[in-house]
N, C-alpha and C. Protein backbone atom coordinates (compact mmCIF):
# COMPACT_ATOMS: atom_id res chain seq x y z
N UNK A 1 1.98 90.33 57.76
CA UNK A 1 0.85 90.99 58.27
C UNK A 1 -0.19 90.06 57.86
N UNK A 2 -0.79 89.98 56.52
CA UNK A 2 -2.26 89.29 56.36
C UNK A 2 -1.92 88.04 56.71
N UNK A 3 -0.34 87.16 57.14
CA UNK A 3 -0.35 85.57 57.06
C UNK A 3 -0.50 85.56 58.97
N UNK A 4 -0.42 86.38 59.66
CA UNK A 4 -0.96 86.47 60.98
C UNK A 4 -2.22 86.54 61.19
N UNK A 5 -2.94 87.41 60.71
CA UNK A 5 -4.08 87.74 60.87
C UNK A 5 -5.16 86.40 60.51
N UNK A 6 -4.27 85.81 59.20
CA UNK A 6 -5.36 84.47 58.61
C UNK A 6 -5.23 83.59 59.95
N UNK A 7 -4.08 82.72 60.64
CA UNK A 7 -3.75 82.50 61.30
C UNK A 7 -4.48 82.41 62.63
N UNK A 8 -4.75 84.14 62.67
CA UNK A 8 -5.23 84.73 64.02
C UNK A 8 -6.92 84.39 64.38
N UNK A 9 -7.55 84.04 62.71
CA UNK A 9 -8.37 83.76 62.54
C UNK A 9 -9.06 82.09 62.46
N UNK A 10 -8.13 82.03 61.92
CA UNK A 10 -8.22 80.07 61.66
C UNK A 10 -8.13 79.82 63.78
N UNK A 11 -7.48 80.38 64.44
CA UNK A 11 -7.50 79.76 65.91
C UNK A 11 -8.92 80.38 66.21
N UNK A 12 -9.60 81.45 65.95
CA UNK A 12 -10.60 81.66 66.63
C UNK A 12 -11.63 80.88 66.46
N UNK A 13 -11.52 80.40 64.38
CA UNK A 13 -12.20 79.24 64.28
C UNK A 13 -12.31 78.14 65.23
N UNK A 14 -11.07 77.60 65.54
CA UNK A 14 -11.38 76.39 66.26
C UNK A 14 -11.49 76.47 67.56
N UNK A 15 -11.45 77.40 68.35
CA UNK A 15 -11.57 77.67 69.62
C UNK A 15 -13.39 77.76 69.91
N UNK A 16 -13.83 78.41 68.81
CA UNK A 16 -15.16 78.21 68.53
C UNK A 16 -16.07 76.98 68.81
N UNK A 17 -15.12 75.81 68.35
CA UNK A 17 -15.84 74.33 68.14
C UNK A 17 -15.52 73.89 68.88
N UNK A 18 -14.11 74.36 70.20
CA UNK A 18 -13.56 73.56 71.54
C UNK A 18 -14.46 73.12 72.18
N UNK A 19 -14.72 71.33 73.01
CA UNK A 19 -15.37 71.26 73.49
C UNK A 19 -14.73 70.83 74.60
N UNK A 20 -15.32 70.47 75.92
CA UNK A 20 -14.74 69.85 77.19
C UNK A 20 -14.46 68.46 76.62
N UNK A 21 -13.73 68.25 77.64
CA UNK A 21 -13.44 66.31 77.79
C UNK A 21 -14.61 65.61 77.69
N UNK A 22 -14.99 64.67 77.45
CA UNK A 22 -15.73 63.71 77.53
C UNK A 22 -16.20 62.99 78.67
N UNK A 23 -17.56 63.23 79.33
CA UNK A 23 -17.56 62.82 80.28
C UNK A 23 -16.63 61.09 80.45
N UNK A 24 -16.17 61.07 82.04
CA UNK A 24 -15.51 59.69 82.29
C UNK A 24 -16.20 58.59 82.86
N UNK A 25 -16.40 57.66 82.96
CA UNK A 25 -16.62 56.63 83.56
C UNK A 25 -16.92 57.11 85.47
N UNK A 26 -18.38 56.63 85.59
CA UNK A 26 -18.36 57.40 86.95
C UNK A 26 -18.67 58.69 87.13
N UNK A 27 -18.55 60.05 86.01
CA UNK A 27 -18.55 61.27 86.33
C UNK A 27 -20.43 61.43 86.99
N UNK A 28 -20.28 62.60 87.49
CA UNK A 28 -22.02 62.81 88.04
C UNK A 28 -22.66 63.77 87.11
N UNK A 29 -23.70 63.11 86.26
CA UNK A 29 -24.28 64.01 85.85
C UNK A 29 -24.26 65.15 84.95
N UNK A 30 -23.90 66.32 84.16
CA UNK A 30 -23.65 67.70 84.48
C UNK A 30 -24.79 68.28 84.31
N UNK A 31 -25.04 69.54 84.85
CA UNK A 31 -26.29 70.47 84.30
C UNK A 31 -27.38 69.24 84.42
N UNK A 32 -27.65 68.52 85.05
CA UNK A 32 -29.04 67.65 85.58
C UNK A 32 -30.43 69.31 85.40
N UNK A 33 -29.99 69.95 86.12
CA UNK A 33 -30.74 71.04 86.78
C UNK A 33 -31.76 71.28 85.75
N UNK A 34 -30.44 71.65 84.75
CA UNK A 34 -31.14 72.98 82.97
C UNK A 34 -32.15 72.80 82.37
N UNK A 35 -33.05 72.95 82.29
CA UNK A 35 -34.06 73.38 81.25
C UNK A 35 -33.53 73.28 80.03
N UNK A 36 -34.49 72.32 79.53
CA UNK A 36 -34.50 72.72 77.73
C UNK A 36 -35.72 72.35 77.31
N UNK A 37 -36.47 72.97 76.05
CA UNK A 37 -37.72 72.91 75.76
C UNK A 37 -37.40 71.30 75.19
N UNK A 38 -38.75 70.92 75.62
CA UNK A 38 -39.50 69.85 74.51
C UNK A 38 -40.22 69.53 73.82
N UNK A 39 -40.00 68.62 72.99
CA UNK A 39 -41.25 69.20 71.17
C UNK A 39 -42.68 69.15 71.92
N UNK A 40 -43.35 68.80 73.05
CA UNK A 40 -44.50 69.02 73.78
C UNK A 40 -44.95 70.30 74.27
N UNK A 41 -43.53 71.27 74.37
CA UNK A 41 -43.59 72.62 74.58
C UNK A 41 -43.16 72.83 76.17
N UNK A 42 -43.13 71.68 76.74
CA UNK A 42 -43.02 71.70 78.79
C UNK A 42 -41.32 71.77 78.70
N UNK A 43 -40.78 72.56 79.86
CA UNK A 43 -39.79 72.87 79.81
C UNK A 43 -39.12 71.32 80.97
N UNK A 44 -38.50 70.71 80.90
CA UNK A 44 -37.47 69.87 81.18
C UNK A 44 -36.36 69.53 81.71
N UNK A 45 -35.53 68.64 82.46
CA UNK A 45 -34.58 68.33 83.23
C UNK A 45 -33.98 67.49 82.77
N UNK A 46 -33.21 67.10 83.25
CA UNK A 46 -32.40 66.06 83.12
C UNK A 46 -32.17 65.37 84.33
N UNK A 47 -32.92 66.20 85.17
CA UNK A 47 -33.21 65.38 86.64
C UNK A 47 -34.39 64.85 86.44
N UNK A 48 -35.10 65.61 86.15
CA UNK A 48 -36.81 65.39 86.13
C UNK A 48 -37.40 64.60 84.77
N UNK A 49 -36.49 64.44 84.11
CA UNK A 49 -36.36 62.89 83.02
C UNK A 49 -36.31 61.76 83.40
N UNK A 50 -35.51 61.53 84.59
CA UNK A 50 -35.10 60.03 85.28
C UNK A 50 -35.44 58.95 85.21
N UNK A 51 -36.00 57.67 85.76
CA UNK A 51 -36.52 57.08 86.36
C UNK A 51 -35.66 56.26 87.13
N UNK A 52 -36.77 55.58 87.72
CA UNK A 52 -36.29 54.63 88.75
C UNK A 52 -34.83 54.02 88.36
N UNK A 53 -34.60 53.68 87.75
CA UNK A 53 -32.99 53.02 87.75
C UNK A 53 -31.88 53.75 86.70
N UNK A 54 -32.15 54.85 86.00
CA UNK A 54 -31.47 56.23 86.47
C UNK A 54 -32.18 56.78 84.91
N UNK A 55 -31.00 57.03 83.82
CA UNK A 55 -31.21 57.76 82.58
C UNK A 55 -30.91 57.48 81.42
N UNK A 56 -30.83 57.42 79.94
CA UNK A 56 -30.37 57.46 78.60
C UNK A 56 -30.66 58.47 78.21
N UNK A 57 -29.11 59.43 77.82
CA UNK A 57 -29.19 60.47 76.92
C UNK A 57 -28.70 60.25 76.08
N UNK A 58 -29.28 60.69 75.40
CA UNK A 58 -28.72 60.40 73.84
C UNK A 58 -28.90 61.26 72.75
N UNK A 59 -27.48 61.37 71.86
CA UNK A 59 -27.30 63.19 71.53
C UNK A 59 -27.81 62.72 69.89
N UNK A 60 -28.68 63.33 69.08
CA UNK A 60 -29.19 62.93 67.82
C UNK A 60 -29.80 63.78 67.19
N UNK A 61 -30.50 64.27 66.52
CA UNK A 61 -30.87 65.07 65.31
C UNK A 61 -31.92 64.80 63.73
N UNK A 62 -32.51 65.40 63.19
CA UNK A 62 -33.36 64.84 62.38
C UNK A 62 -32.98 64.28 61.38
N UNK A 63 -31.24 64.63 60.62
CA UNK A 63 -31.04 64.97 59.21
C UNK A 63 -29.76 63.89 59.24
N UNK A 64 -28.82 63.46 60.04
CA UNK A 64 -27.49 62.67 60.27
C UNK A 64 -28.01 61.20 59.94
N UNK A 65 -27.01 61.32 58.46
CA UNK A 65 -27.56 59.83 57.60
C UNK A 65 -27.65 58.52 58.85
N UNK A 66 -26.24 58.80 59.45
CA UNK A 66 -26.62 57.84 60.50
C UNK A 66 -27.69 57.68 61.56
N UNK A 67 -27.74 58.54 61.99
CA UNK A 67 -29.34 58.65 62.64
C UNK A 67 -30.50 58.21 62.13
N UNK A 68 -30.70 58.23 60.75
CA UNK A 68 -32.07 57.65 59.77
C UNK A 68 -31.84 56.37 59.97
N UNK A 69 -30.23 55.59 59.42
CA UNK A 69 -30.15 54.46 59.26
C UNK A 69 -30.24 53.29 60.61
N UNK A 70 -30.37 54.43 61.30
CA UNK A 70 -30.21 53.41 63.00
C UNK A 70 -31.39 53.33 63.32
N UNK A 71 -32.37 54.34 63.00
CA UNK A 71 -33.56 54.89 63.89
C UNK A 71 -34.27 53.24 64.14
N UNK A 72 -34.48 52.73 63.68
CA UNK A 72 -35.15 51.65 64.20
C UNK A 72 -34.05 51.08 65.33
N UNK A 73 -33.69 50.66 65.43
CA UNK A 73 -32.31 50.97 66.68
C UNK A 73 -32.70 51.68 67.75
N UNK A 74 -32.96 52.65 67.52
CA UNK A 74 -32.45 53.91 68.44
C UNK A 74 -34.47 53.57 69.29
N UNK A 75 -35.04 53.42 68.56
CA UNK A 75 -37.32 53.23 68.76
C UNK A 75 -36.42 52.00 69.70
N UNK A 76 -36.58 50.97 69.60
CA UNK A 76 -36.16 49.28 69.90
C UNK A 76 -35.34 49.67 71.17
N UNK A 77 -33.78 50.34 71.47
CA UNK A 77 -33.40 50.39 72.62
C UNK A 77 -34.30 51.48 73.50
N UNK A 78 -34.92 52.57 73.45
CA UNK A 78 -35.50 53.52 74.17
C UNK A 78 -36.25 53.13 74.60
N UNK A 79 -37.54 52.44 73.73
CA UNK A 79 -38.15 51.34 74.40
C UNK A 79 -37.97 50.74 75.48
N UNK A 80 -36.63 49.40 74.65
CA UNK A 80 -36.29 48.66 76.08
C UNK A 80 -36.05 49.39 77.13
N UNK A 81 -35.40 50.63 77.43
CA UNK A 81 -34.71 51.56 78.54
C UNK A 81 -36.29 51.97 79.49
N UNK A 82 -37.00 52.17 79.01
CA UNK A 82 -37.92 53.17 79.22
C UNK A 82 -39.29 51.52 79.86
N UNK A 83 -38.69 50.62 79.23
CA UNK A 83 -39.76 48.83 79.89
C UNK A 83 -38.82 48.82 80.89
N UNK A 84 -37.84 49.01 81.16
CA UNK A 84 -36.69 48.60 82.34
C UNK A 84 -35.96 49.71 83.20
N UNK A 85 -37.68 50.60 82.87
CA UNK A 85 -37.54 51.62 84.42
C UNK A 85 -36.52 52.63 84.29
N UNK A 86 -35.90 53.57 83.07
CA UNK A 86 -34.61 54.26 83.13
C UNK A 86 -35.19 55.16 81.97
N UNK A 87 -35.48 56.42 82.21
CA UNK A 87 -35.68 57.60 81.85
C UNK A 87 -35.21 57.18 80.65
N UNK A 88 -35.37 58.82 79.46
CA UNK A 88 -34.67 58.54 78.10
C UNK A 88 -35.70 59.48 77.90
N UNK A 89 -34.35 60.50 77.36
CA UNK A 89 -34.50 61.48 76.70
C UNK A 89 -33.20 61.93 75.32
N UNK A 90 -34.00 62.26 73.93
CA UNK A 90 -32.77 62.80 73.57
C UNK A 90 -33.22 64.03 72.75
N UNK A 91 -31.53 64.40 72.76
CA UNK A 91 -30.86 66.12 72.90
C UNK A 91 -30.90 66.13 71.34
N UNK A 92 -31.58 66.89 70.58
CA UNK A 92 -30.67 67.95 68.84
C UNK A 92 -30.23 68.85 69.63
N UNK A 93 -28.20 68.96 69.47
CA UNK A 93 -27.40 69.90 69.84
C UNK A 93 -27.46 70.62 68.74
N UNK A 94 -27.98 70.67 67.60
CA UNK A 94 -27.17 71.08 66.24
C UNK A 94 -27.84 72.42 65.55
N UNK A 95 -26.86 73.01 66.30
CA UNK A 95 -27.40 74.99 66.82
C UNK A 95 -26.95 75.23 65.55
N UNK A 96 -26.46 75.42 64.73
CA UNK A 96 -26.68 75.74 63.18
C UNK A 96 -26.91 75.44 61.97
N UNK A 97 -28.40 74.21 62.46
CA UNK A 97 -29.01 74.63 61.61
C UNK A 97 -30.53 73.92 62.06
N UNK A 98 -30.75 75.27 63.29
CA UNK A 98 -32.06 75.34 63.57
C UNK A 98 -32.61 76.49 62.81
N UNK A 99 -32.38 77.08 61.55
CA UNK A 99 -33.24 76.83 60.62
C UNK A 99 -33.43 76.55 59.31
N UNK A 100 -33.10 75.31 59.81
CA UNK A 100 -32.98 74.02 59.07
C UNK A 100 -34.21 73.25 58.89
N UNK A 101 -33.25 71.83 58.85
CA UNK A 101 -34.13 70.89 59.29
C UNK A 101 -33.73 70.05 60.48
N UNK A 102 -33.27 70.88 61.38
CA UNK A 102 -33.05 70.51 62.50
C UNK A 102 -33.71 71.83 63.40
N UNK A 103 -34.83 72.59 62.59
CA UNK A 103 -35.13 73.57 63.67
C UNK A 103 -36.39 72.81 64.82
N UNK A 104 -37.04 72.86 65.22
CA UNK A 104 -38.14 72.68 66.65
C UNK A 104 -39.23 72.44 65.78
N UNK A 105 -39.59 72.85 65.41
CA UNK A 105 -40.44 72.65 64.58
C UNK A 105 -40.41 71.63 63.60
N UNK A 106 -39.17 71.45 62.96
CA UNK A 106 -38.96 70.03 62.35
C UNK A 106 -38.99 68.64 63.20
N UNK A 107 -38.56 69.19 63.94
CA UNK A 107 -38.04 68.27 65.42
C UNK A 107 -39.06 67.72 66.15
N UNK A 108 -40.73 68.70 65.49
CA UNK A 108 -41.68 68.76 66.67
C UNK A 108 -42.24 66.95 65.17
N UNK A 109 -42.07 67.42 64.20
CA UNK A 109 -42.61 66.50 63.49
C UNK A 109 -42.13 65.71 63.01
N UNK A 110 -40.88 65.31 63.29
CA UNK A 110 -39.78 64.20 63.50
C UNK A 110 -40.46 63.33 64.16
N UNK A 111 -40.61 63.59 65.37
CA UNK A 111 -40.96 63.10 66.77
C UNK A 111 -42.49 62.45 65.87
N UNK A 112 -42.95 62.92 65.92
CA UNK A 112 -44.47 62.28 65.72
C UNK A 112 -44.28 61.28 64.30
N UNK A 113 -43.82 62.06 64.13
CA UNK A 113 -43.08 60.34 62.40
C UNK A 113 -42.78 59.47 63.38
N UNK A 114 -41.40 59.50 63.59
CA UNK A 114 -41.44 58.28 64.89
C UNK A 114 -41.63 57.81 65.63
N UNK A 115 -43.21 58.55 66.15
CA UNK A 115 -44.20 57.74 67.64
C UNK A 115 -43.16 58.03 68.54
N UNK A 116 -42.27 58.62 68.77
CA UNK A 116 -41.31 58.84 70.22
C UNK A 116 -42.33 58.81 71.29
N UNK A 117 -42.42 57.89 72.01
CA UNK A 117 -43.04 57.54 73.22
C UNK A 117 -41.71 58.37 74.57
N UNK A 118 -40.85 59.55 74.21
CA UNK A 118 -39.99 59.67 75.24
C UNK A 118 -40.00 60.90 75.30
N UNK A 119 -38.85 62.31 75.66
CA UNK A 119 -38.77 63.45 75.50
C UNK A 119 -37.97 63.37 74.68
N UNK A 120 -37.83 64.34 74.04
CA UNK A 120 -37.29 64.76 72.65
C UNK A 120 -36.67 66.14 72.63
N UNK A 121 -35.87 66.83 73.03
CA UNK A 121 -35.52 68.46 73.71
C UNK A 121 -34.68 68.71 73.03
N UNK A 122 -34.54 70.12 73.15
CA UNK A 122 -33.71 71.48 72.20
C UNK A 122 -32.39 72.04 73.09
N UNK A 123 -31.39 71.59 72.31
CA UNK A 123 -30.59 71.07 73.49
C UNK A 123 -30.07 72.73 73.13
N UNK A 124 -30.56 74.37 73.57
CA UNK A 124 -29.85 75.15 73.78
C UNK A 124 -28.39 75.69 73.21
N UNK A 125 -27.67 76.20 72.39
CA UNK A 125 -26.39 76.92 72.04
C UNK A 125 -25.54 75.21 72.76
N UNK A 126 -26.38 74.34 72.41
CA UNK A 126 -25.54 72.98 72.38
C UNK A 126 -24.62 72.78 73.82
N UNK A 127 -25.59 73.47 75.32
CA UNK A 127 -25.15 73.49 76.14
C UNK A 127 -24.72 72.16 77.46
N UNK A 128 -25.91 71.52 76.96
CA UNK A 128 -25.56 69.72 77.33
C UNK A 128 -24.79 69.35 76.78
N UNK A 129 -25.00 69.24 75.24
CA UNK A 129 -23.52 68.53 74.89
C UNK A 129 -21.66 68.98 74.77
N UNK A 130 -21.47 70.68 75.25
CA UNK A 130 -20.89 71.13 75.67
C UNK A 130 -19.95 70.39 76.88
N UNK A 131 -21.24 70.10 77.79
CA UNK A 131 -21.03 70.04 79.33
C UNK A 131 -21.24 68.61 78.97
N UNK A 132 -21.26 67.63 78.46
CA UNK A 132 -21.11 65.96 78.56
C UNK A 132 -19.96 66.09 77.15
N UNK A 133 -19.04 67.43 76.51
CA UNK A 133 -18.21 66.38 75.57
C UNK A 133 -18.53 65.78 74.42
N UNK A 134 -20.02 65.44 74.30
CA UNK A 134 -20.80 65.01 73.30
C UNK A 134 -20.13 65.75 71.93
N UNK A 135 -20.14 64.75 70.54
CA UNK A 135 -19.47 65.68 69.65
C UNK A 135 -20.02 64.58 68.19
N UNK A 136 -20.71 63.62 69.04
CA UNK A 136 -21.72 62.45 68.05
C UNK A 136 -23.13 62.58 67.75
N UNK A 137 -23.57 62.58 66.73
CA UNK A 137 -25.05 61.64 66.33
C UNK A 137 -25.37 60.63 65.79
N UNK A 138 -25.56 59.16 66.35
CA UNK A 138 -25.98 59.10 67.91
C UNK A 138 -24.56 58.36 68.66
N UNK A 139 -25.42 59.61 69.63
CA UNK A 139 -23.84 59.20 71.05
C UNK A 139 -24.46 58.95 72.23
N UNK A 140 -24.41 58.21 72.56
CA UNK A 140 -25.94 57.51 74.35
C UNK A 140 -24.47 57.28 75.28
N UNK A 141 -25.06 58.11 76.24
CA UNK A 141 -24.76 58.32 77.53
C UNK A 141 -24.96 57.45 78.51
N UNK A 142 -25.57 56.44 79.29
CA UNK A 142 -25.99 55.51 80.37
C UNK A 142 -25.94 55.96 81.92
N UNK A 143 -26.75 56.45 82.40
CA UNK A 143 -26.68 56.67 83.62
C UNK A 143 -27.23 55.96 84.51
N UNK A 144 -27.17 55.45 85.77
CA UNK A 144 -27.08 54.66 86.79
C UNK A 144 -28.66 55.71 87.73
N UNK A 145 -28.96 55.02 88.70
CA UNK A 145 -29.82 55.69 89.88
C UNK A 145 -29.29 56.83 90.42
N UNK A 146 -27.90 56.74 91.16
CA UNK A 146 -27.15 57.61 91.37
C UNK A 146 -26.66 58.57 90.82
N UNK A 147 -27.32 58.87 89.03
CA UNK A 147 -26.75 59.48 88.23
C UNK A 147 -25.19 59.45 87.87
N UNK A 148 -24.78 58.63 88.51
CA UNK A 148 -23.15 58.41 87.32
C UNK A 148 -23.41 57.84 86.36
N UNK A 149 -22.36 57.76 85.21
CA UNK A 149 -22.29 57.55 84.21
C UNK A 149 -21.82 55.98 83.99
N UNK A 150 -22.17 55.15 83.53
CA UNK A 150 -22.19 54.19 83.68
C UNK A 150 -21.64 53.66 82.08
N UNK A 151 -22.23 54.13 81.21
CA UNK A 151 -21.28 53.70 79.93
C UNK A 151 -21.53 55.39 78.73
N UNK A 152 -20.99 55.11 78.01
CA UNK A 152 -20.61 56.07 77.24
C UNK A 152 -20.27 55.41 75.48
N UNK A 153 -21.47 55.86 75.03
CA UNK A 153 -20.72 55.05 73.23
C UNK A 153 -21.92 55.16 71.97
N UNK A 154 -21.78 53.35 71.49
CA UNK A 154 -22.29 53.54 70.56
C UNK A 154 -23.82 52.57 71.13
N UNK A 155 -24.66 52.47 70.13
CA UNK A 155 -25.77 51.56 70.63
C UNK A 155 -25.44 49.78 70.29
N UNK A 156 -24.81 50.22 69.48
CA UNK A 156 -24.27 48.24 69.46
C UNK A 156 -22.77 48.73 68.53
N UNK A 157 -22.34 47.32 67.75
CA UNK A 157 -21.07 47.59 67.51
C UNK A 157 -20.78 47.10 66.03
N UNK A 158 -22.12 47.64 65.36
CA UNK A 158 -22.11 47.73 64.30
C UNK A 158 -23.28 48.52 63.97
N UNK A 159 -22.02 50.41 63.23
CA UNK A 159 -23.37 50.96 62.75
C UNK A 159 -23.68 51.11 61.45
N UNK A 160 -23.21 50.35 60.81
CA UNK A 160 -23.53 50.21 59.21
C UNK A 160 -23.74 48.94 58.88
N UNK A 161 -23.75 48.59 59.56
CA UNK A 161 -24.85 46.68 59.25
C UNK A 161 -25.57 46.26 60.74
N UNK A 162 -26.86 46.34 60.65
CA UNK A 162 -27.44 46.19 61.79
C UNK A 162 -27.36 44.45 61.98
N UNK A 163 -27.46 43.52 60.57
CA UNK A 163 -27.21 42.14 60.41
C UNK A 163 -25.78 41.14 60.91
N UNK A 164 -24.97 42.35 60.72
CA UNK A 164 -23.85 41.84 61.25
C UNK A 164 -23.43 42.29 62.96
N UNK A 165 -23.78 43.14 63.77
CA UNK A 165 -23.92 43.11 65.61
C UNK A 165 -23.99 42.05 65.67
N UNK A 166 -22.55 41.79 66.71
CA UNK A 166 -22.32 41.03 67.39
C UNK A 166 -22.46 41.06 68.86
N UNK A 167 -22.97 42.40 69.32
CA UNK A 167 -22.55 42.97 70.45
C UNK A 167 -23.95 43.89 71.02
N UNK A 168 -25.21 43.99 71.64
CA UNK A 168 -25.83 45.31 71.62
C UNK A 168 -25.25 45.93 73.44
N UNK A 169 -23.91 47.08 72.47
CA UNK A 169 -23.52 47.29 74.22
C UNK A 169 -24.34 48.35 75.33
N UNK A 170 -25.05 48.78 74.32
CA UNK A 170 -26.30 49.83 75.54
C UNK A 170 -27.08 48.82 76.21
N UNK A 171 -27.99 48.05 74.95
CA UNK A 171 -28.79 46.45 76.15
C UNK A 171 -28.14 46.04 77.22
N UNK A 172 -27.07 45.66 76.94
CA UNK A 172 -26.55 44.56 77.40
C UNK A 172 -25.89 45.89 78.97
N UNK A 173 -25.73 47.06 78.82
CA UNK A 173 -25.03 48.11 80.08
C UNK A 173 -26.27 47.85 80.94
N UNK A 174 -28.00 48.60 80.37
CA UNK A 174 -28.59 48.76 80.81
C UNK A 174 -29.31 47.14 81.87
N UNK A 175 -28.97 45.75 81.12
CA UNK A 175 -29.62 45.35 81.91
C UNK A 175 -28.81 44.84 83.16
N UNK A 176 -27.67 45.01 83.17
CA UNK A 176 -26.62 45.13 84.35
C UNK A 176 -26.87 46.52 85.14
N UNK A 177 -27.10 47.90 85.09
CA UNK A 177 -27.19 48.35 85.76
C UNK A 177 -28.22 47.87 86.46
N UNK A 178 -29.91 47.72 85.99
CA UNK A 178 -31.29 47.22 86.30
C UNK A 178 -29.97 45.93 87.24
N UNK A 179 -29.75 45.12 87.03
CA UNK A 179 -29.53 44.19 88.21
C UNK A 179 -28.11 44.61 89.19
N UNK A 180 -27.86 46.14 89.57
CA UNK A 180 -26.83 46.37 90.39
C UNK A 180 -25.55 45.43 89.67
N UNK A 181 -25.13 44.89 88.58
CA UNK A 181 -23.71 44.83 88.51
C UNK A 181 -23.16 45.52 87.67
N UNK A 182 -21.88 45.48 87.82
CA UNK A 182 -20.92 46.09 86.94
C UNK A 182 -21.31 45.88 85.92
N UNK A 183 -20.63 47.46 85.00
CA UNK A 183 -21.28 47.29 83.67
C UNK A 183 -19.93 46.76 83.19
N UNK A 184 -19.75 45.68 81.60
CA UNK A 184 -18.56 44.95 81.14
C UNK A 184 -18.04 45.78 80.41
N UNK A 185 -18.45 46.34 79.37
CA UNK A 185 -17.90 47.16 78.52
C UNK A 185 -18.52 48.41 78.68
N UNK A 186 -18.00 49.17 78.79
CA UNK A 186 -18.05 50.45 79.46
C UNK A 186 -18.07 51.85 78.43
N UNK A 187 -17.53 51.74 77.42
CA UNK A 187 -17.41 52.54 76.63
C UNK A 187 -17.35 51.65 74.62
N UNK A 188 -17.70 52.52 74.06
CA UNK A 188 -17.40 52.29 72.73
C UNK A 188 -17.27 53.30 71.64
N UNK A 189 -17.19 53.28 70.85
CA UNK A 189 -16.88 54.23 69.69
C UNK A 189 -17.96 54.98 69.32
N UNK A 190 -18.68 55.56 69.60
CA UNK A 190 -19.69 56.28 68.68
C UNK A 190 -19.32 56.36 66.59
N UNK A 191 -19.57 55.92 66.43
CA UNK A 191 -20.03 56.30 64.34
C UNK A 191 -21.26 57.42 64.34
N UNK A 192 -21.14 58.23 63.60
CA UNK A 192 -22.29 59.18 63.44
C UNK A 192 -21.73 60.25 62.58
N UNK A 193 -22.30 61.31 62.19
CA UNK A 193 -22.39 62.68 61.61
C UNK A 193 -21.89 63.81 63.23
N UNK A 194 -20.74 64.46 62.75
CA UNK A 194 -20.31 65.52 64.06
C UNK A 194 -21.51 66.38 64.29
N UNK A 195 -21.87 67.18 65.39
CA UNK A 195 -22.46 67.57 65.90
C UNK A 195 -22.27 69.19 65.67
N UNK A 196 -23.43 69.75 64.99
CA UNK A 196 -23.27 71.06 64.05
C UNK A 196 -24.05 72.12 64.53
N UNK A 197 -22.96 72.96 65.56
CA UNK A 197 -22.55 73.67 66.57
C UNK A 197 -22.13 75.26 66.24
N UNK A 198 -22.93 75.99 66.40
CA UNK A 198 -23.41 77.74 65.70
C UNK A 198 -21.91 78.22 66.11
N UNK A 199 -21.30 78.43 65.25
CA UNK A 199 -19.38 79.17 64.83
C UNK A 199 -19.68 80.52 65.80
């Protein structure tokens, strides 16, 4: 009997962390009208954050070592996306750490320190991360002007060493979208920490 209870509890724990399959290339942006609280205090939706040429959605946080290590790359690509008339929103889905270093107050401080010039919003109950099937920080989803997914994955091809990068996947995808071309490399593997979902 005890063994059955242990197995049942293990299955419940696994179910609590089960998320949907990742979006497929060509899928329309889900939950685009759901409102989230930006660090400015404003309520914002993905649709409202979109720009003339589309939207870059990045799942990130304040604490993941990969996020911290790659912060300059994050800032550079988000600045570039805005320059190319794409909307940018970074989502913090670490619900299990809201009482810690990924609290809303900590997000506001981090936003100011990093001099972000785009939305940094709280993904309450990791609802958007679940809808996207996102599981890492950082993890990028690029949508075109029709809100269709055209790229999913990493910023570039070497999360561990900026000097060893041979291809900037996300930047190339942005350029191709802006030029109305098909994205050459549509998916890559995100390397980072797992999103800390609440059990």
